[in-house]
Amino acid sequence: MSRWMGKMKALIMLGFVAIVLSACGKENLTALDPKGYGAEQAMDIMILSIIIMVAVFIIVMLVFTIALVKFREKKGQEDYIPKQVEGNHTLEIVWTGIPIILVLVLAVPTVISVFDLADTTDASSSLNVEVTGNQYWWHFNYEGEEIQTSQDLYIPVGEKVYLDIQASDVIHSFWVPTISGKMDANPENVNTMYIEAYEEGVYWGKCAELCGPSHSLMDFKIVAVSPEEFDAWVEDMKNVDPEQTPQNAVATEGQELFEANNCMACHAIGSSPVATGPNLTNYANRTKIAGILEPTTENLVDWLLDPETIKPGNKMTGNYPSLSEEEANSIAEYLMQLDHSDVTPESAGN
C-alpha cells in the first residue's frame, strides 16, 4: 500500500510540475496571444482543430457510455451470446465519411491560409526585406532603401512587410510566433512570406530548425513602430555616418582598436554589405547582445573576450586577434555608442 501511495505522490508531483512549467515563457514569444495577421490566422485554425477534437471526444464518450449502460450484461444473461453480424454498411459509411468530412473542414481553411500568407500580389507596393539566416544570427537587407541591420528588424505597424527568406549556410527557420508562423530559410532557394503587426512593441523571434550547437540561442527581435516613427528611422539609417565620432577617450581608443584589428572585414556599419558577421549599425539600440545577453557593457566585454562560451560554434571564435580585458572594454565602449537613430525599442511601447 505504501509503495502504491509513493507512486501516486510522484505522479501528482509530476503533474503539478508540468502544469507550472506550461505557464513559463515570454509574453512576446507565444502563439497564443496573436498580435499579427499570420498569428491570428494560425490561432483561428488552432481553435477550430480544438473544437473538432473536443466534439469528437464528447461524441465518442457519449456513444461509449450509452453502449456500456444499455448493452451491459444483465442478471440472467451470464451465458447469453449476442447475435453475431459480419458488418453494417451504414455504420461503416458513417465512421468513414465523418472523419473525411472533419479532415476537409480543417484542411480547407489551412490551405487557404497558407496560400494567403504566401500571396505576393502587393509586394511591389509594400516594404520588402531580404532575410538571411546564418549560424547563429539573422541579417536584414531593406530592398531599395540601402539599409542593412542584423538581429533587430524594424517594421511599421499595420502594414504588410514582405520577407524574402534564405540561408547562407545550413537550413534555418524564421519564426516570430506572436506575429506570424514559420518559414524555412534554405541555402538553395528563397521562400517568401509577409508579416503584419497589429500593435507597437518588441516581438521575440527564434530559429525553429535545428542548425547546430547554438540553435537554441539563435534569437532575434522584430521592433514594430508607428508608420511615422518607421519613416523617421529609415531617414536616420540612410544618413548613418560610419565614422561617427566617439563621445570619450575610451571609446575613441576602442574605435581605433576596432579598425586596427580589422573587425570591418566581417562587420559593417552603414549600408555596406557584409558576408560573415552581423551589421553593427545602431548597435547601441540593440535589445540584446549576441541575441541573448542583456545590453550592458560588461556582457559585451564578456562576449568579446570569449564568445565560444556564450554561443558555442559561432564563426567569430578564432577569427579575430585575442584581446586584453582593457582592449575589450574600449571596443565595447565604442560599440555601445553606435546610436544612429532616435527611434528605439523603448519608443515601440516596451
Protein backbone atom coordinates (compact mmCIF):
# COMPACT_ATOMS: atom_id res chain seq x y z
CA MET A 1 0.00 0.00 0.00
CA SER A 2 2.77 2.44 0.95
CA ARG A 3 4.56 1.66 -2.33
CA TRP A 4 1.38 2.43 -4.28
CA MET A 5 0.93 5.70 -2.37
CA GLY A 6 4.52 6.64 -3.15
CA LYS A 7 3.89 6.20 -6.87
CA MET A 8 0.70 8.26 -6.65
CA LYS A 9 2.55 11.09 -4.92
CA ALA A 10 5.24 11.01 -7.59
CA LEU A 11 2.61 11.20 -10.35
CA ILE A 12 0.83 14.08 -8.61
CA MET A 13 4.11 15.98 -8.24
CA LEU A 14 4.99 15.32 -11.88
CA GLY A 15 1.59 16.61 -12.96
CA PHE A 16 1.96 19.70 -10.79
CA VAL A 17 5.40 20.47 -12.23
CA ALA A 18 4.06 20.00 -15.78
CA ILE A 19 1.22 22.47 -15.10
CA VAL A 20 3.60 25.03 -13.59
CA LEU A 21 6.12 24.73 -16.46
CA SER A 22 3.35 25.07 -19.04
CA ALA A 23 2.85 28.63 -17.78
CA CYS A 24 6.52 29.53 -18.26
CA GLY A 25 7.52 31.65 -21.24
CA LYS A 26 7.84 35.16 -22.58
CA GLU A 27 4.91 37.46 -23.23
CA ASN A 28 6.07 38.27 -26.76
CA LEU A 29 7.13 34.72 -27.63
CA THR A 30 3.84 32.86 -27.76
CA ALA A 31 1.43 31.78 -30.48
CA LEU A 32 -1.49 32.01 -28.02
CA ASP A 33 -1.56 35.81 -27.91
CA PRO A 34 -1.61 36.84 -31.58
CA LYS A 35 -0.54 40.40 -32.38
CA GLY A 36 -0.24 39.96 -36.14
CA TYR A 37 -2.21 38.75 -39.16
CA GLY A 38 -0.36 35.46 -39.63
CA ALA A 39 -0.50 34.59 -35.93
CA GLU A 40 -4.22 35.39 -35.90
CA GLN A 41 -4.77 33.02 -38.82
CA ALA A 42 -2.85 30.26 -37.01
CA MET A 43 -4.83 30.87 -33.81
CA ASP A 44 -8.16 30.57 -35.66
CA ILE A 45 -7.08 27.22 -37.12
CA MET A 46 -5.89 26.00 -33.70
CA ILE A 47 -9.25 26.91 -32.16
CA LEU A 48 -11.06 25.14 -35.00
CA SER A 49 -8.97 21.99 -34.53
CA ILE A 50 -9.56 22.05 -30.75
CA ILE A 51 -13.34 22.38 -31.28
CA ILE A 52 -13.26 19.39 -33.65
CA MET A 53 -11.19 17.28 -31.24
CA VAL A 54 -13.36 18.15 -28.23
CA ALA A 55 -16.55 17.45 -30.19
CA VAL A 56 -15.23 14.07 -31.37
CA PHE A 57 -14.13 13.19 -27.82
CA ILE A 58 -17.54 14.09 -26.35
CA ILE A 59 -19.46 12.14 -29.02
CA VAL A 60 -17.22 9.07 -28.67
CA MET A 61 -17.51 9.11 -24.88
CA LEU A 62 -21.29 9.58 -25.12
CA VAL A 63 -21.67 6.62 -27.50
CA PHE A 64 -19.33 4.57 -25.32
CA THR A 65 -21.35 5.37 -22.19
CA ILE A 66 -24.69 4.53 -23.88
CA ALA A 67 -23.29 1.24 -25.14
CA LEU A 68 -21.82 0.46 -21.71
CA VAL A 69 -25.11 1.07 -19.91
CA LYS A 70 -27.58 -0.24 -22.47
CA PHE A 71 -25.78 -3.37 -23.53
CA ARG A 72 -24.09 -4.37 -20.29
CA GLU A 73 -24.55 -7.93 -19.13
CA LYS A 74 -27.75 -8.16 -17.10
CA LYS A 75 -28.81 -10.64 -14.47
CA GLY A 76 -29.72 -13.95 -16.08
CA GLN A 77 -27.64 -13.22 -19.20
CA GLU A 78 -24.43 -14.80 -17.96
CA ASP A 79 -24.43 -17.31 -20.83
CA TYR A 80 -26.12 -15.02 -23.35
CA ILE A 81 -24.34 -14.62 -26.69
CA PRO A 82 -25.49 -11.62 -28.78
CA LYS A 83 -26.44 -12.08 -32.40
CA GLN A 84 -23.28 -12.19 -34.50
CA VAL A 85 -23.15 -9.96 -37.57
CA GLU A 86 -20.43 -9.56 -40.16
CA GLY A 87 -20.82 -5.82 -40.60
CA ASN A 88 -23.14 -2.89 -41.01
CA HIS A 89 -22.74 -0.95 -44.22
CA THR A 90 -24.50 2.12 -42.82
CA LEU A 91 -22.19 2.33 -39.81
CA GLU A 92 -19.12 1.72 -41.96
CA ILE A 93 -20.12 4.59 -44.26
CA VAL A 94 -20.76 6.86 -41.26
CA TRP A 95 -17.48 6.22 -39.45
CA THR A 96 -15.54 6.51 -42.71
CA GLY A 97 -17.36 9.56 -44.02
CA ILE A 98 -17.35 11.64 -40.84
CA PRO A 99 -13.53 11.61 -40.41
CA ILE A 100 -13.12 12.58 -44.07
CA ILE A 101 -15.51 15.50 -43.58
CA LEU A 102 -13.67 16.60 -40.41
CA VAL A 103 -10.32 16.47 -42.19
CA LEU A 104 -11.73 18.62 -45.00
CA VAL A 105 -13.21 21.09 -42.50
CA LEU A 106 -9.72 21.53 -41.03
CA ALA A 107 -7.72 21.23 -44.27
CA VAL A 108 -9.62 23.76 -46.39
CA PRO A 109 -9.07 26.83 -44.15
CA THR A 110 -5.48 25.70 -43.53
CA VAL A 111 -4.70 25.54 -47.26
CA ILE A 112 -6.46 28.87 -47.85
CA SER A 113 -4.40 30.48 -45.06
CA VAL A 114 -1.11 29.03 -46.39
CA PHE A 115 -1.74 30.44 -49.89
CA ASP A 116 -2.95 33.73 -48.42
CA LEU A 117 0.24 34.26 -46.39
CA ALA A 118 2.35 33.37 -49.45
CA ASP A 119 0.48 35.79 -51.74
CA THR A 120 2.89 38.36 -53.21
CA THR A 121 0.30 40.45 -55.07
CA ASP A 122 1.03 43.56 -53.01
CA ALA A 123 4.79 43.04 -52.79
CA SER A 124 5.68 45.71 -55.35
CA SER A 125 3.87 48.41 -53.36
CA SER A 126 5.00 47.21 -49.91
CA LEU A 127 8.16 47.14 -47.84
CA ASN A 128 10.41 44.25 -48.90
CA VAL A 129 13.20 42.85 -46.73
CA GLU A 130 15.76 40.20 -47.61
CA VAL A 131 16.19 37.95 -44.57
CA THR A 132 19.31 35.78 -44.32
CA GLY A 133 19.77 33.13 -41.66
CA ASN A 134 23.36 32.49 -40.53
CA GLN A 135 24.88 30.40 -37.76
CA TYR A 136 23.69 31.87 -35.36
CA TRP A 137 22.25 35.25 -36.24
CA TRP A 138 19.89 36.95 -38.67
CA HIS A 139 20.62 39.64 -41.26
CA PHE A 140 18.06 42.04 -42.76
CA ASN A 141 18.50 43.97 -46.01
CA TYR A 142 15.77 46.53 -46.77
CA GLU A 143 15.35 46.31 -50.52
CA GLY A 144 15.51 49.66 -52.32
CA GLU A 145 16.41 51.55 -49.15
CA GLU A 146 20.17 50.83 -48.84
CA ILE A 147 19.62 49.89 -45.20
CA GLN A 148 21.07 46.81 -43.58
CA THR A 149 20.63 45.65 -39.99
CA SER A 150 21.20 42.47 -38.03
CA GLN A 151 19.27 40.86 -35.18
CA ASP A 152 16.68 43.67 -34.86
CA LEU A 153 14.13 44.07 -37.68
CA TYR A 154 12.20 47.35 -37.63
CA ILE A 155 8.77 47.34 -39.31
CA PRO A 156 5.78 49.72 -39.44
CA VAL A 157 2.60 48.72 -37.62
CA GLY A 158 -0.48 47.93 -39.71
CA GLU A 159 1.39 47.42 -42.98
CA LYS A 160 2.38 44.32 -44.91
CA VAL A 161 6.10 43.61 -44.89
CA TYR A 162 7.28 41.01 -47.38
CA LEU A 163 10.21 38.84 -46.36
CA ASP A 164 12.41 37.03 -48.89
CA ILE A 165 13.99 34.39 -46.67
CA GLN A 166 17.16 32.43 -47.41
CA ALA A 167 20.07 30.83 -45.51
CA SER A 168 23.79 31.33 -46.10
CA ASP A 169 24.95 28.01 -44.66
CA VAL A 170 22.53 25.38 -43.31
CA ILE A 171 18.73 25.22 -43.07
CA HIS A 172 17.19 27.64 -40.57
CA SER A 173 13.57 28.55 -39.86
CA PHE A 174 12.26 32.08 -39.34
CA TRP A 175 9.62 32.22 -36.62
CA VAL A 176 8.02 35.10 -34.71
CA PRO A 177 5.08 33.27 -33.08
CA THR A 178 3.29 36.38 -31.79
CA ILE A 179 3.15 37.89 -35.29
CA SER A 180 3.24 35.02 -37.77
CA GLY A 181 4.04 31.39 -38.48
CA LYS A 182 7.26 29.68 -39.51
CA MET A 183 9.10 29.81 -42.81
CA ASP A 184 12.15 27.72 -43.70
CA ALA A 185 15.36 29.50 -44.68
CA ASN A 186 17.10 27.27 -47.22
CA PRO A 187 20.54 27.79 -48.79
CA GLU A 188 19.36 26.82 -52.28
CA ASN A 189 16.15 28.83 -52.72
CA VAL A 190 14.22 31.88 -51.49
CA ASN A 191 10.93 31.50 -49.63
CA THR A 192 8.61 34.49 -49.42
CA MET A 193 6.04 35.37 -46.76
CA TYR A 194 4.57 38.55 -45.40
CA ILE A 195 4.08 39.71 -41.84
CA GLU A 196 1.81 42.38 -40.42
CA ALA A 197 1.93 43.57 -36.82
CA TYR A 198 -1.21 44.98 -35.22
CA GLU A 199 0.41 46.67 -32.22
CA GLU A 200 3.64 48.50 -31.47
CA GLY A 201 6.16 46.52 -29.44
CA VAL A 202 9.20 44.28 -29.48
CA TYR A 203 8.42 40.71 -30.55
CA TRP A 204 10.79 37.82 -29.96
CA GLY A 205 11.82 35.58 -32.82
CA LYS A 206 13.53 32.19 -32.85
CA CYS A 207 15.17 29.84 -35.28
CA ALA A 208 12.80 26.86 -35.40
CA GLU A 209 15.10 24.44 -37.26
CA LEU A 210 17.98 22.61 -35.56
CA CYS A 211 21.05 24.22 -37.12
CA GLY A 212 23.98 23.50 -34.79
CA PRO A 213 25.14 23.63 -31.17
CA SER A 214 23.82 27.17 -30.60
CA HIS A 215 20.49 26.68 -32.38
CA SER A 216 18.51 27.46 -29.21
CA LEU A 217 20.42 30.75 -28.88
CA MET A 218 19.63 31.99 -32.40
CA ASP A 219 17.21 34.69 -31.27
CA PHE A 220 16.23 37.95 -32.93
CA LYS A 221 13.67 40.72 -32.43
CA ILE A 222 11.05 42.46 -34.52
CA VAL A 223 10.54 46.06 -33.43
CA ALA A 224 7.12 47.27 -34.59
CA VAL A 225 6.73 51.06 -34.52
CA SER A 226 4.19 53.52 -35.88
CA PRO A 227 4.46 54.37 -39.61
CA GLU A 228 5.67 57.86 -38.69
CA GLU A 229 8.40 56.50 -36.42
CA PHE A 230 9.38 53.98 -39.07
CA ASP A 231 9.77 56.72 -41.69
CA ALA A 232 11.94 58.66 -39.23
CA TRP A 233 14.01 55.52 -38.54
CA VAL A 234 14.53 54.99 -42.29
CA GLU A 235 15.77 58.55 -42.72
CA ASP A 236 18.13 58.17 -39.75
CA MET A 237 19.53 54.89 -41.10
CA LYS A 238 20.05 56.34 -44.59
CA ASN A 239 22.22 59.06 -43.10
CA VAL A 240 24.43 56.84 -40.95
CA ASP A 241 28.00 58.08 -40.59
CA PRO A 242 30.31 55.04 -40.29
CA GLU A 243 33.00 57.37 -38.95
CA GLN A 244 30.82 58.69 -36.14
CA THR A 245 32.99 60.48 -33.59
CA PRO A 246 33.08 58.70 -30.21
CA GLN A 247 31.98 60.62 -27.12
CA ASN A 248 35.03 60.00 -24.93
CA ALA A 249 38.68 58.94 -25.00
CA VAL A 250 37.98 55.30 -24.11
CA ALA A 251 35.53 54.96 -26.99
CA THR A 252 37.97 56.69 -29.34
CA GLU A 253 40.61 54.13 -28.42
CA GLY A 254 38.00 51.43 -28.99
CA GLN A 255 37.30 52.74 -32.48
CA GLU A 256 41.00 52.66 -33.28
CA LEU A 257 41.29 49.09 -31.96
CA PHE A 258 38.18 48.10 -33.93
CA GLU A 259 39.83 49.30 -37.14
CA ALA A 260 43.34 48.10 -36.26
CA ASN A 261 42.10 44.56 -35.57
CA ASN A 262 40.39 44.51 -38.97
CA CYS A 263 36.92 43.99 -37.44
CA MET A 264 35.45 45.68 -40.52
CA ALA A 265 36.43 42.64 -42.55
CA CYS A 266 33.48 40.80 -41.00
CA HIS A 267 31.28 43.60 -39.65
CA ALA A 268 29.88 46.69 -41.34
CA ILE A 269 28.48 49.98 -40.11
CA GLY A 270 26.06 51.54 -42.57
CA SER A 271 24.72 50.08 -45.79
CA SER A 272 27.88 48.20 -46.84
CA PRO A 273 27.16 44.51 -47.46
CA VAL A 274 28.66 42.05 -45.00
CA ALA A 275 29.46 38.40 -45.61
CA THR A 276 30.36 36.75 -42.33
CA GLY A 277 29.32 38.88 -39.34
CA PRO A 278 26.33 40.93 -38.16
CA ASN A 279 25.92 44.53 -39.28
CA LEU A 280 26.68 46.81 -36.31
CA THR A 281 24.71 49.88 -37.40
CA ASN A 282 22.74 51.34 -34.48
CA TYR A 283 24.34 48.74 -32.20
CA ALA A 284 23.66 50.77 -29.05
CA ASN A 285 19.91 50.39 -29.63
CA ARG A 286 20.03 46.59 -29.80
CA THR A 287 17.68 44.87 -27.37
CA LYS A 288 20.17 42.03 -26.80
CA ILE A 289 23.89 41.31 -27.21
CA ALA A 290 24.54 38.28 -29.45
CA GLY A 291 20.77 37.87 -29.45
CA ILE A 292 20.64 36.57 -25.87
CA LEU A 293 22.54 38.77 -23.38
CA GLU A 294 21.28 41.91 -21.70
CA PRO A 295 22.69 45.01 -23.48
CA THR A 296 25.33 46.03 -20.94
CA THR A 297 28.98 46.94 -21.42
CA GLU A 298 30.00 44.13 -19.05
CA ASN A 299 28.18 41.50 -21.11
CA LEU A 300 29.65 42.87 -24.33
CA VAL A 301 33.16 42.64 -22.84
CA ASP A 302 32.48 39.01 -21.89
CA TRP A 303 31.36 38.32 -25.46
CA LEU A 304 34.44 39.95 -26.98
CA LEU A 305 36.80 38.05 -24.69
CA ASP A 306 35.27 34.59 -25.11
CA PRO A 307 32.31 34.28 -27.49
CA GLU A 308 32.63 30.48 -27.61
CA THR A 309 31.42 30.04 -24.02
CA ILE A 310 28.34 32.14 -24.80
CA LYS A 311 27.46 30.80 -28.26
CA PRO A 312 29.29 27.53 -28.98
CA GLY A 313 30.17 27.04 -32.64
CA ASN A 314 29.85 30.69 -33.65
CA LYS A 315 32.06 31.85 -36.52
CA MET A 316 33.53 34.75 -34.56
CA THR A 317 35.52 32.39 -32.36
CA GLY A 318 39.09 32.16 -33.60
CA ASN A 319 38.58 34.66 -36.42
CA TYR A 320 39.98 37.72 -34.67
CA PRO A 321 43.07 38.54 -32.58
CA SER A 322 42.92 37.82 -28.85
CA LEU A 323 42.11 40.90 -26.81
CA SER A 324 43.11 42.01 -23.36
CA GLU A 325 40.33 42.94 -20.97
CA GLU A 326 41.28 46.61 -21.31
CA GLU A 327 41.12 46.44 -25.11
CA ALA A 328 37.78 44.61 -25.00
CA ASN A 329 36.41 47.26 -22.64
CA SER A 330 37.49 50.05 -25.03
CA ILE A 331 35.90 48.35 -28.04
CA ALA A 332 32.74 47.68 -26.02
CA GLU A 333 32.58 51.35 -25.03
CA TYR A 334 32.85 52.32 -28.70
CA LEU A 335 30.16 49.87 -29.84
CA MET A 336 27.76 50.94 -27.10
CA GLN A 337 27.93 54.47 -28.52
CA LEU A 338 26.86 53.45 -32.05
CA ASP A 339 23.47 55.15 -31.83
CA HIS A 340 22.27 56.30 -35.24
CA SER A 341 18.55 56.76 -34.64
CA ASP A 342 16.18 58.35 -32.14
CA VAL A 343 13.69 55.53 -32.80
CA THR A 344 14.39 52.79 -30.26
CA PRO A 345 12.65 49.65 -28.98
CA GLU A 346 11.54 51.75 -25.98
CA SER A 347 9.64 54.05 -28.35
CA ALA A 348 7.72 50.98 -29.56
CA GLY A 349 5.96 50.66 -26.24
CA ASN A 350 8.48 48.50 -24.33
